[in-house]
Amino acid sequence: MQSLAKVLKQATLNLPIVVKPVSQGSTIGVTIVRRGSQWKEALALAHRYDPEAMVENYIPGHEATVSILGTAAEGPNVLPAIEIVAPAGVDDIISLVNELRLETRVTAADGWTFEFEAARRTLLVQMQAQTLHGFGLGDHPAATCAAGALVQYLRDTQKADLAHVREIAFRSGADCMVIGPHRSSA
């Protein structure tokens, strides 16, 4: 097991950090490490769900995760979720959730909210921006569609000002450090 100090130095992170299993979504196996004494227990919890764990900066606030269920090249990747917001009429998502016996709520949203231009406009207005490139979404149309649809869904259901939602970020595997038994340390 790598020491916390070595991981923090390699990943150029400072406490608090988030430790979580690589293959999980939602909050399964996730720990916010605020003190060095929590490191071993956090890593053990993450490794209960996956042999590889990842560490990343802790960002305070509510995190909304929008998952894309795979690509043509990778095939489907089903992540646990508390709620899936999908375009109305997408029955294969409901079938997939039922087949996998996931305890997940599937909410139908208007299909137009997932259309690229509508989603892009929703995000630009919400973020008070001229472009989405600064948020890392410029080259990720599927992520733009998912994020824009989620923001529109929140607007429609929360019936409250979303002024506190001013940041959005595209995350990839390069945004974290993976720790596992098959990884060599530098």
C-alpha atoms as a PDB file:
ATOM      1  CA  MET A   1       0.000   0.000   0.000  1.00  0.00           C
ATOM      2  CA  GLN A   2       1.339   3.403  -0.963  1.00  0.00           C
ATOM      3  CA  SER A   3       1.690   5.952   1.789  1.00  0.00           C
ATOM      4  CA  LEU A   4      -0.662   8.911   1.772  1.00  0.00           C
ATOM      5  CA  ALA A   5       2.251  11.340   1.612  1.00  0.00           C
ATOM      6  CA  LYS A   6       3.624   9.629  -1.516  1.00  0.00           C
ATOM      7  CA  VAL A   7       0.215   9.608  -3.226  1.00  0.00           C
ATOM      8  CA  LEU A   8      -0.387  13.279  -2.423  1.00  0.00           C
ATOM      9  CA  LYS A   9       3.029  14.187  -3.772  1.00  0.00           C
ATOM     10  CA  GLN A  10       2.678  12.092  -6.968  1.00  0.00           C
ATOM     11  CA  ALA A  11      -0.814  13.390  -7.717  1.00  0.00           C
ATOM     12  CA  THR A  12      -0.013  16.946  -6.549  1.00  0.00           C
ATOM     13  CA  LEU A  13      -2.985  16.931  -4.187  1.00  0.00           C
ATOM     14  CA  ASN A  14      -3.618  18.320  -0.726  1.00  0.00           C
ATOM     15  CA  LEU A  15      -6.091  17.177   1.906  1.00  0.00           C
ATOM     16  CA  PRO A  16      -8.994  16.851   1.830  1.00  0.00           C
ATOM     17  CA  ILE A  17      -9.161  14.323  -1.005  1.00  0.00           C
ATOM     18  CA  VAL A  18     -11.752  11.879  -2.286  1.00  0.00           C
ATOM     19  CA  VAL A  19     -10.888   8.169  -2.430  1.00  0.00           C
ATOM     20  CA  LYS A  20     -13.206   5.938  -4.432  1.00  0.00           C
ATOM     21  CA  PRO A  21     -13.316   2.716  -6.445  1.00  0.00           C
ATOM     22  CA  VAL A  22     -12.581   3.171 -10.138  1.00  0.00           C
ATOM     23  CA  SER A  23     -15.557   1.148 -11.384  1.00  0.00           C
ATOM     24  CA  GLN A  24     -18.283   2.549  -9.157  1.00  0.00           C
ATOM     25  CA  GLY A  25     -20.525   5.546  -9.551  1.00  0.00           C
ATOM     26  CA  SER A  26     -22.676   7.391  -7.073  1.00  0.00           C
ATOM     27  CA  THR A  27     -21.289   7.228  -3.522  1.00  0.00           C
ATOM     28  CA  ILE A  28     -20.537   3.511  -3.244  1.00  0.00           C
ATOM     29  CA  GLY A  29     -17.144   3.011  -1.608  1.00  0.00           C
ATOM     30  CA  VAL A  30     -16.403   6.757  -1.503  1.00  0.00           C
ATOM     31  CA  THR A  31     -14.607   8.449   1.400  1.00  0.00           C
ATOM     32  CA  ILE A  32     -13.622  12.067   1.899  1.00  0.00           C
ATOM     33  CA  VAL A  33     -10.222  11.927   3.582  1.00  0.00           C
ATOM     34  CA  ARG A  34      -9.683  15.004   5.749  1.00  0.00           C
ATOM     35  CA  ARG A  35      -6.964  13.585   8.033  1.00  0.00           C
ATOM     36  CA  GLY A  36      -4.053  11.273   7.329  1.00  0.00           C
ATOM     37  CA  SER A  37      -5.417   8.778   9.861  1.00  0.00           C
ATOM     38  CA  GLN A  38      -8.367   8.085   7.515  1.00  0.00           C
ATOM     39  CA  TRP A  39      -6.210   7.001   4.551  1.00  0.00           C
ATOM     40  CA  LYS A  40      -5.880   3.242   5.160  1.00  0.00           C
ATOM     41  CA  GLU A  41      -9.553   2.788   6.006  1.00  0.00           C
ATOM     42  CA  ALA A  42     -10.639   4.820   2.948  1.00  0.00           C
ATOM     43  CA  LEU A  43      -8.425   2.791   0.632  1.00  0.00           C
ATOM     44  CA  ALA A  44      -9.660  -0.485   2.141  1.00  0.00           C
ATOM     45  CA  LEU A  45     -13.283   0.579   1.603  1.00  0.00           C
ATOM     46  CA  ALA A  46     -12.645   1.512  -2.031  1.00  0.00           C
ATOM     47  CA  HIS A  47     -10.821  -1.786  -2.631  1.00  0.00           C
ATOM     48  CA  ARG A  48     -13.841  -3.715  -1.322  1.00  0.00           C
ATOM     49  CA  TYR A  49     -15.590  -2.664  -4.539  1.00  0.00           C
ATOM     50  CA  ASP A  50     -12.717  -2.613  -7.022  1.00  0.00           C
ATOM     51  CA  PRO A  51      -9.043  -3.653  -6.978  1.00  0.00           C
ATOM     52  CA  GLU A  52      -8.245  -0.172  -8.271  1.00  0.00           C
ATOM     53  CA  ALA A  53      -9.027   3.017  -6.380  1.00  0.00           C
ATOM     54  CA  MET A  54      -8.699   6.616  -7.468  1.00  0.00           C
ATOM     55  CA  VAL A  55      -7.918   9.791  -5.567  1.00  0.00           C
ATOM     56  CA  GLU A  56      -8.905  13.280  -6.587  1.00  0.00           C
ATOM     57  CA  ASN A  57      -9.349  16.737  -5.131  1.00  0.00           C
ATOM     58  CA  TYR A  58     -12.320  17.195  -2.854  1.00  0.00           C
ATOM     59  CA  ILE A  59     -14.587  19.962  -4.085  1.00  0.00           C
ATOM     60  CA  PRO A  60     -17.183  21.014  -1.515  1.00  0.00           C
ATOM     61  CA  GLY A  61     -20.790  21.150  -2.616  1.00  0.00           C
ATOM     62  CA  HIS A  62     -23.398  18.878  -4.157  1.00  0.00           C
ATOM     63  CA  GLU A  63     -22.175  16.696  -6.993  1.00  0.00           C
ATOM     64  CA  ALA A  64     -24.520  15.701  -9.773  1.00  0.00           C
ATOM     65  CA  THR A  65     -23.132  12.937 -11.938  1.00  0.00           C
ATOM     66  CA  VAL A  66     -24.340  12.445 -15.488  1.00  0.00           C
ATOM     67  CA  SER A  67     -23.287   9.039 -16.782  1.00  0.00           C
ATOM     68  CA  ILE A  68     -23.174   7.891 -20.373  1.00  0.00           C
ATOM     69  CA  LEU A  69     -23.762   4.188 -20.623  1.00  0.00           C
ATOM     70  CA  GLY A  70     -20.779   3.312 -22.816  1.00  0.00           C
ATOM     71  CA  THR A  71     -19.730   4.015 -26.377  1.00  0.00           C
ATOM     72  CA  ALA A  72     -19.834   2.017 -29.579  1.00  0.00           C
ATOM     73  CA  ALA A  73     -16.153   1.126 -29.155  1.00  0.00           C
ATOM     74  CA  GLU A  74     -16.313   0.209 -25.454  1.00  0.00           C
ATOM     75  CA  GLY A  75     -19.770  -1.341 -25.225  1.00  0.00           C
ATOM     76  CA  PRO A  76     -22.211  -0.648 -22.399  1.00  0.00           C
ATOM     77  CA  ASN A  77     -20.930   0.341 -18.974  1.00  0.00           C
ATOM     78  CA  VAL A  78     -23.680   0.410 -16.369  1.00  0.00           C
ATOM     79  CA  LEU A  79     -22.977   2.555 -13.326  1.00  0.00           C
ATOM     80  CA  PRO A  80     -25.161   2.564 -10.221  1.00  0.00           C
ATOM     81  CA  ALA A  81     -27.278   5.666  -9.990  1.00  0.00           C
ATOM     82  CA  ILE A  82     -29.917   7.067  -7.721  1.00  0.00           C
ATOM     83  CA  GLU A  83     -31.835   8.534 -10.624  1.00  0.00           C
ATOM     84  CA  ILE A  84     -31.422   8.328 -14.373  1.00  0.00           C
ATOM     85  CA  VAL A  85     -32.893  11.182 -16.395  1.00  0.00           C
ATOM     86  CA  ALA A  86     -33.517   9.973 -19.935  1.00  0.00           C
ATOM     87  CA  PRO A  87     -35.439  11.248 -22.943  1.00  0.00           C
ATOM     88  CA  ALA A  88     -39.105  10.215 -22.901  1.00  0.00           C
ATOM     89  CA  GLY A  89     -39.688   7.083 -24.966  1.00  0.00           C
ATOM     90  CA  VAL A  90     -36.298   5.510 -24.335  1.00  0.00           C
ATOM     91  CA  ASP A  91     -37.692   2.200 -23.163  1.00  0.00           C
ATOM     92  CA  ASP A  92     -34.396   0.311 -23.536  1.00  0.00           C
ATOM     93  CA  ILE A  93     -32.981   2.174 -20.512  1.00  0.00           C
ATOM     94  CA  ILE A  94     -35.927   1.088 -18.376  1.00  0.00           C
ATOM     95  CA  SER A  95     -35.531  -2.481 -19.679  1.00  0.00           C
ATOM     96  CA  LEU A  96     -31.802  -2.416 -18.885  1.00  0.00           C
ATOM     97  CA  VAL A  97     -32.429  -1.114 -15.345  1.00  0.00           C
ATOM     98  CA  ASN A  98     -35.050  -3.838 -14.780  1.00  0.00           C
ATOM     99  CA  GLU A  99     -32.875  -6.582 -16.295  1.00  0.00           C
ATOM    100  CA  LEU A 100     -29.928  -5.655 -14.069  1.00  0.00           C
ATOM    101  CA  ARG A 101     -32.264  -5.378 -11.056  1.00  0.00           C
ATOM    102  CA  LEU A 102     -30.922  -1.946 -10.217  1.00  0.00           C
ATOM    103  CA  GLU A 103     -32.725  -0.032  -7.534  1.00  0.00           C
ATOM    104  CA  THR A 104     -32.733   3.047  -9.704  1.00  0.00           C
ATOM    105  CA  ARG A 105     -35.449   5.491 -10.531  1.00  0.00           C
ATOM    106  CA  VAL A 106     -35.774   6.314 -14.228  1.00  0.00           C
ATOM    107  CA  THR A 107     -37.303   9.717 -14.936  1.00  0.00           C
ATOM    108  CA  ALA A 108     -38.503  10.648 -18.396  1.00  0.00           C
ATOM    109  CA  ALA A 109     -37.547  14.124 -19.577  1.00  0.00           C
ATOM    110  CA  ASP A 110     -38.581  15.914 -22.744  1.00  0.00           C
ATOM    111  CA  GLY A 111     -36.494  14.606 -25.625  1.00  0.00           C
ATOM    112  CA  TRP A 112     -35.696  18.101 -26.903  1.00  0.00           C
ATOM    113  CA  THR A 113     -33.673  18.794 -23.731  1.00  0.00           C
ATOM    114  CA  PHE A 114     -31.114  16.187 -24.886  1.00  0.00           C
ATOM    115  CA  GLU A 115     -30.707  17.742 -28.332  1.00  0.00           C
ATOM    116  CA  PHE A 116     -27.249  19.268 -28.675  1.00  0.00           C
ATOM    117  CA  GLU A 117     -28.222  22.856 -29.504  1.00  0.00           C
ATOM    118  CA  ALA A 118     -30.906  23.040 -26.803  1.00  0.00           C
ATOM    119  CA  ALA A 119     -28.543  21.555 -24.216  1.00  0.00           C
ATOM    120  CA  ARG A 120     -25.718  23.880 -25.260  1.00  0.00           C
ATOM    121  CA  ARG A 121     -27.966  26.953 -24.962  1.00  0.00           C
ATOM    122  CA  THR A 122     -29.230  25.804 -21.554  1.00  0.00           C
ATOM    123  CA  LEU A 123     -25.666  25.457 -20.286  1.00  0.00           C
ATOM    124  CA  LEU A 124     -24.505  28.772 -21.751  1.00  0.00           C
ATOM    125  CA  VAL A 125     -27.373  30.619 -20.055  1.00  0.00           C
ATOM    126  CA  GLN A 126     -26.879  28.771 -16.760  1.00  0.00           C
ATOM    127  CA  MET A 127     -23.115  29.286 -16.695  1.00  0.00           C
ATOM    128  CA  GLN A 128     -23.404  32.840 -18.024  1.00  0.00           C
ATOM    129  CA  ALA A 129     -20.807  32.018 -20.653  1.00  0.00           C
ATOM    130  CA  GLN A 130     -20.203  32.588 -24.360  1.00  0.00           C
ATOM    131  CA  THR A 131     -18.659  29.155 -24.928  1.00  0.00           C
ATOM    132  CA  LEU A 132     -18.391  25.802 -23.148  1.00  0.00           C
ATOM    133  CA  HIS A 133     -14.695  25.300 -23.946  1.00  0.00           C
ATOM    134  CA  GLY A 134     -13.616  26.738 -20.588  1.00  0.00           C
ATOM    135  CA  PHE A 135     -15.688  24.062 -18.869  1.00  0.00           C
ATOM    136  CA  GLY A 136     -14.044  21.263 -20.854  1.00  0.00           C
ATOM    137  CA  LEU A 137     -17.176  20.494 -22.873  1.00  0.00           C
ATOM    138  CA  GLY A 138     -16.118  21.981 -26.212  1.00  0.00           C
ATOM    139  CA  ASP A 139     -15.094  18.631 -27.700  1.00  0.00           C
ATOM    140  CA  HIS A 140     -17.621  16.450 -25.861  1.00  0.00           C
ATOM    141  CA  PRO A 141     -21.060  16.729 -27.482  1.00  0.00           C
ATOM    142  CA  ALA A 142     -22.547  13.716 -25.640  1.00  0.00           C
ATOM    143  CA  ALA A 143     -21.500  15.176 -22.279  1.00  0.00           C
ATOM    144  CA  THR A 144     -22.929  18.553 -23.337  1.00  0.00           C
ATOM    145  CA  CYS A 145     -26.269  16.918 -24.193  1.00  0.00           C
ATOM    146  CA  ALA A 146     -26.400  15.035 -20.887  1.00  0.00           C
ATOM    147  CA  ALA A 147     -25.372  18.019 -18.755  1.00  0.00           C
ATOM    148  CA  GLY A 148     -27.712  20.440 -20.518  1.00  0.00           C
ATOM    149  CA  ALA A 149     -30.639  18.041 -20.150  1.00  0.00           C
ATOM    150  CA  LEU A 150     -29.861  17.647 -16.431  1.00  0.00           C
ATOM    151  CA  VAL A 151     -29.768  21.419 -15.878  1.00  0.00           C
ATOM    152  CA  GLN A 152     -33.087  21.794 -17.718  1.00  0.00           C
ATOM    153  CA  TYR A 153     -34.535  18.947 -15.623  1.00  0.00           C
ATOM    154  CA  LEU A 154     -33.421  20.723 -12.441  1.00  0.00           C
ATOM    155  CA  ARG A 155     -34.984  23.976 -13.647  1.00  0.00           C
ATOM    156  CA  ASP A 156     -38.265  22.214 -14.384  1.00  0.00           C
ATOM    157  CA  THR A 157     -38.457  20.222 -11.148  1.00  0.00           C
ATOM    158  CA  GLN A 158     -36.848  22.406  -8.487  1.00  0.00           C
ATOM    159  CA  LYS A 159     -38.939  25.502  -9.204  1.00  0.00           C
ATOM    160  CA  ALA A 160     -36.173  27.538  -7.605  1.00  0.00           C
ATOM    161  CA  ASP A 161     -33.339  29.748  -8.716  1.00  0.00           C
ATOM    162  CA  LEU A 162     -30.288  27.715  -9.713  1.00  0.00           C
ATOM    163  CA  ALA A 163     -27.899  30.652  -9.312  1.00  0.00           C
ATOM    164  CA  HIS A 164     -25.614  28.465  -7.181  1.00  0.00           C
ATOM    165  CA  VAL A 165     -24.981  26.181 -10.171  1.00  0.00           C
ATOM    166  CA  ARG A 166     -22.180  28.069 -11.897  1.00  0.00           C
ATOM    167  CA  GLU A 167     -19.573  25.423 -12.586  1.00  0.00           C
ATOM    168  CA  ILE A 168     -19.553  22.293 -14.650  1.00  0.00           C
ATOM    169  CA  ALA A 169     -16.628  20.070 -15.536  1.00  0.00           C
ATOM    170  CA  PHE A 170     -15.925  17.204 -17.878  1.00  0.00           C
ATOM    171  CA  ARG A 171     -14.042  14.486 -16.043  1.00  0.00           C
ATOM    172  CA  SER A 172     -11.998  11.728 -17.581  1.00  0.00           C
ATOM    173  CA  GLY A 173      -9.618   9.110 -16.286  1.00  0.00           C
ATOM    174  CA  ALA A 174      -6.783  11.614 -16.706  1.00  0.00           C
ATOM    175  CA  ASP A 175      -8.325  13.750 -13.922  1.00  0.00           C
ATOM    176  CA  CYS A 176      -7.401  11.281 -11.215  1.00  0.00           C
ATOM    177  CA  MET A 177      -4.673   8.932 -10.071  1.00  0.00           C
ATOM    178  CA  VAL A 178      -5.474   5.198 -10.165  1.00  0.00           C
ATOM    179  CA  ILE A 179      -4.147   3.046  -7.315  1.00  0.00           C
ATOM    180  CA  GLY A 180      -4.272  -0.731  -7.638  1.00  0.00           C
ATOM    181  CA  PRO A 181      -2.250  -3.900  -7.254  1.00  0.00           C
ATOM    182  CA  HIS A 182      -1.230  -3.865 -10.936  1.00  0.00           C
ATOM    183  CA  ARG A 183      -0.007  -0.270 -10.971  1.00  0.00           C
ATOM    184  CA  SER A 184       3.647   0.467 -10.458  1.00  0.00           C
ATOM    185  CA  SER A 185       4.619   3.559  -8.558  1.00  0.00           C
ATOM    186  CA  ALA A 186       7.166   5.989  -9.951  1.00  0.00           C
END
